[in-house]
C-alpha atoms as a PDB file:
ATOM      1  CA  MET A   1      18.883  64.367  51.642  1.00  0.00           C
ATOM      2  CA  ALA A   2      15.889  66.334  52.858  1.00  0.00           C
ATOM      3  CA  MET A   3      16.367  69.008  55.267  1.00  0.00           C
ATOM      4  CA  THR A   4      14.864  67.280  58.132  1.00  0.00           C
ATOM      5  CA  GLU A   5      17.195  64.262  57.872  1.00  0.00           C
ATOM      6  CA  TRP A   6      20.432  66.720  57.521  1.00  0.00           C
ATOM      7  CA  LEU A   7      19.148  68.139  60.987  1.00  0.00           C
ATOM      8  CA  LEU A   8      18.538  65.144  62.510  1.00  0.00           C
ATOM      9  CA  GLU A   9      21.877  63.629  61.708  1.00  0.00           C
ATOM     10  CA  GLY A  10      23.548  66.801  63.484  1.00  0.00           C
ATOM     11  CA  LEU A  11      21.267  66.643  66.391  1.00  0.00           C
ATOM     12  CA  PHE A  12      22.431  62.806  66.834  1.00  0.00           C
ATOM     13  CA  LEU A  13      26.011  63.700  66.048  1.00  0.00           C
ATOM     14  CA  GLY A  14      25.744  66.783  69.027  1.00  0.00           C
ATOM     15  CA  ILE A  15      24.276  64.600  71.570  1.00  0.00           C
ATOM     16  CA  PHE A  16      26.866  61.840  71.218  1.00  0.00           C
ATOM     17  CA  CYS A  17      29.622  64.312  71.094  1.00  0.00           C
ATOM     18  CA  GLU A  18      28.272  66.016  74.453  1.00  0.00           C
ATOM     19  CA  LEU A  19      28.034  62.549  76.030  1.00  0.00           C
ATOM     20  CA  GLY A  20      31.685  61.741  75.304  1.00  0.00           C
ATOM     21  CA  VAL A  21      32.488  65.093  76.868  1.00  0.00           C
ATOM     22  CA  ILE A  22      30.498  64.156  80.126  1.00  0.00           C
ATOM     23  CA  MET A  23      31.654  60.643  80.262  1.00  0.00           C
ATOM     24  CA  SER A  24      35.419  61.488  80.197  1.00  0.00           C
ATOM     25  CA  TYR A  25      34.692  64.369  82.696  1.00  0.00           C
ATOM     26  CA  HIS A  26      33.295  61.761  84.936  1.00  0.00           C
ATOM     27  CA  LEU A  27      36.062  59.307  84.634  1.00  0.00           C
ATOM     28  CA  ILE A  28      38.610  61.886  85.258  1.00  0.00           C
ATOM     29  CA  LEU A  29      37.052  62.686  88.687  1.00  0.00           C
ATOM     30  CA  LEU A  30      36.958  58.983  89.292  1.00  0.00           C
ATOM     31  CA  THR A  31      40.738  58.851  88.820  1.00  0.00           C
ATOM     32  CA  PRO A  32      42.815  58.367  92.288  1.00  0.00           C
ATOM     33  CA  VAL A  33      43.976  61.907  92.572  1.00  0.00           C
ATOM     34  CA  PHE A  34      40.086  63.295  92.679  1.00  0.00           C
ATOM     35  CA  HIS A  35      39.183  60.066  94.626  1.00  0.00           C
ATOM     36  CA  ASN A  36      41.654  61.068  97.531  1.00  0.00           C
ATOM     37  CA  LEU A  37      40.073  64.559  97.613  1.00  0.00           C
ATOM     38  CA  SER A  38      36.894  62.991  98.425  1.00  0.00           C
ATOM     39  CA  GLN A  39      38.011  61.021 101.120  1.00  0.00           C
ATOM     40  CA  TYR A  40      38.867  63.909 103.101  1.00  0.00           C
ATOM     41  CA  ARG A  41      42.462  63.918 103.112  1.00  0.00           C
ATOM     42  CA  MET A  42      42.269  67.445 102.451  1.00  0.00           C
ATOM     43  CA  ASP A  43      39.548  69.586 104.177  1.00  0.00           C
ATOM     44  CA  LYS A  44      35.955  69.686 102.732  1.00  0.00           C
ATOM     45  CA  ILE A  45      36.092  73.172 101.397  1.00  0.00           C
ATOM     46  CA  THR A  46      39.273  72.826  99.758  1.00  0.00           C
ATOM     47  CA  SER A  47      38.416  69.579  97.952  1.00  0.00           C
ATOM     48  CA  ARG A  48      35.102  70.885  96.627  1.00  0.00           C
ATOM     49  CA  SER A  49      37.102  74.130  95.549  1.00  0.00           C
ATOM     50  CA  ALA A  50      39.595  72.157  93.691  1.00  0.00           C
ATOM     51  CA  ILE A  51      36.786  69.986  91.890  1.00  0.00           C
ATOM     52  CA  ASN A  52      35.112  73.055  91.168  1.00  0.00           C
ATOM     53  CA  TRP A  53      38.256  74.761  89.594  1.00  0.00           C
ATOM     54  CA  PHE A  54      38.885  71.787  87.694  1.00  0.00           C
ATOM     55  CA  THR A  55      35.297  71.468  86.165  1.00  0.00           C
ATOM     56  CA  VAL A  56      35.508  75.322  85.370  1.00  0.00           C
ATOM     57  CA  GLY A  57      38.680  74.812  83.436  1.00  0.00           C
ATOM     58  CA  TYR A  58      37.590  71.310  81.810  1.00  0.00           C
ATOM     59  CA  PHE A  59      34.589  72.851  80.435  1.00  0.00           C
ATOM     60  CA  LEU A  60      36.116  75.939  79.116  1.00  0.00           C
ATOM     61  CA  LEU A  61      38.855  73.842  77.460  1.00  0.00           C
ATOM     62  CA  ILE A  62      36.192  71.860  75.749  1.00  0.00           C
ATOM     63  CA  GLY A  63      34.301  74.926  74.692  1.00  0.00           C
ATOM     64  CA  PHE A  64      37.099  76.889  73.030  1.00  0.00           C
ATOM     65  CA  PHE A  65      38.097  73.413  71.103  1.00  0.00           C
ATOM     66  CA  PHE A  66      34.561  73.404  69.830  1.00  0.00           C
ATOM     67  CA  GLU A  67      34.367  76.926  69.086  1.00  0.00           C
ATOM     68  CA  ARG A  68      37.761  76.819  67.079  1.00  0.00           C
ATOM     69  CA  ARG A  69      36.279  73.692  65.343  1.00  0.00           C
ATOM     70  CA  ILE A  70      33.002  75.229  64.224  1.00  0.00           C
ATOM     71  CA  TYR A  71      34.600  78.780  63.156  1.00  0.00           C
ATOM     72  CA  ASN A  72      37.472  77.345  61.305  1.00  0.00           C
END
């Protein structure tokens, strides 16, 4: 296997994994809990803050997972 084929395979796998992570993030945000937040049952600042904190937590967990997988 040539070096370019090996790099290209890794690139496609990385893109596929990243798109899966982003898709699952958007599907979670479309759940009824976050849908109710966006319907202004909570004030706008609180709902935006809750979604921002969820986003930070979600991508931190994904980042830690991939770091553990790479270095183990």
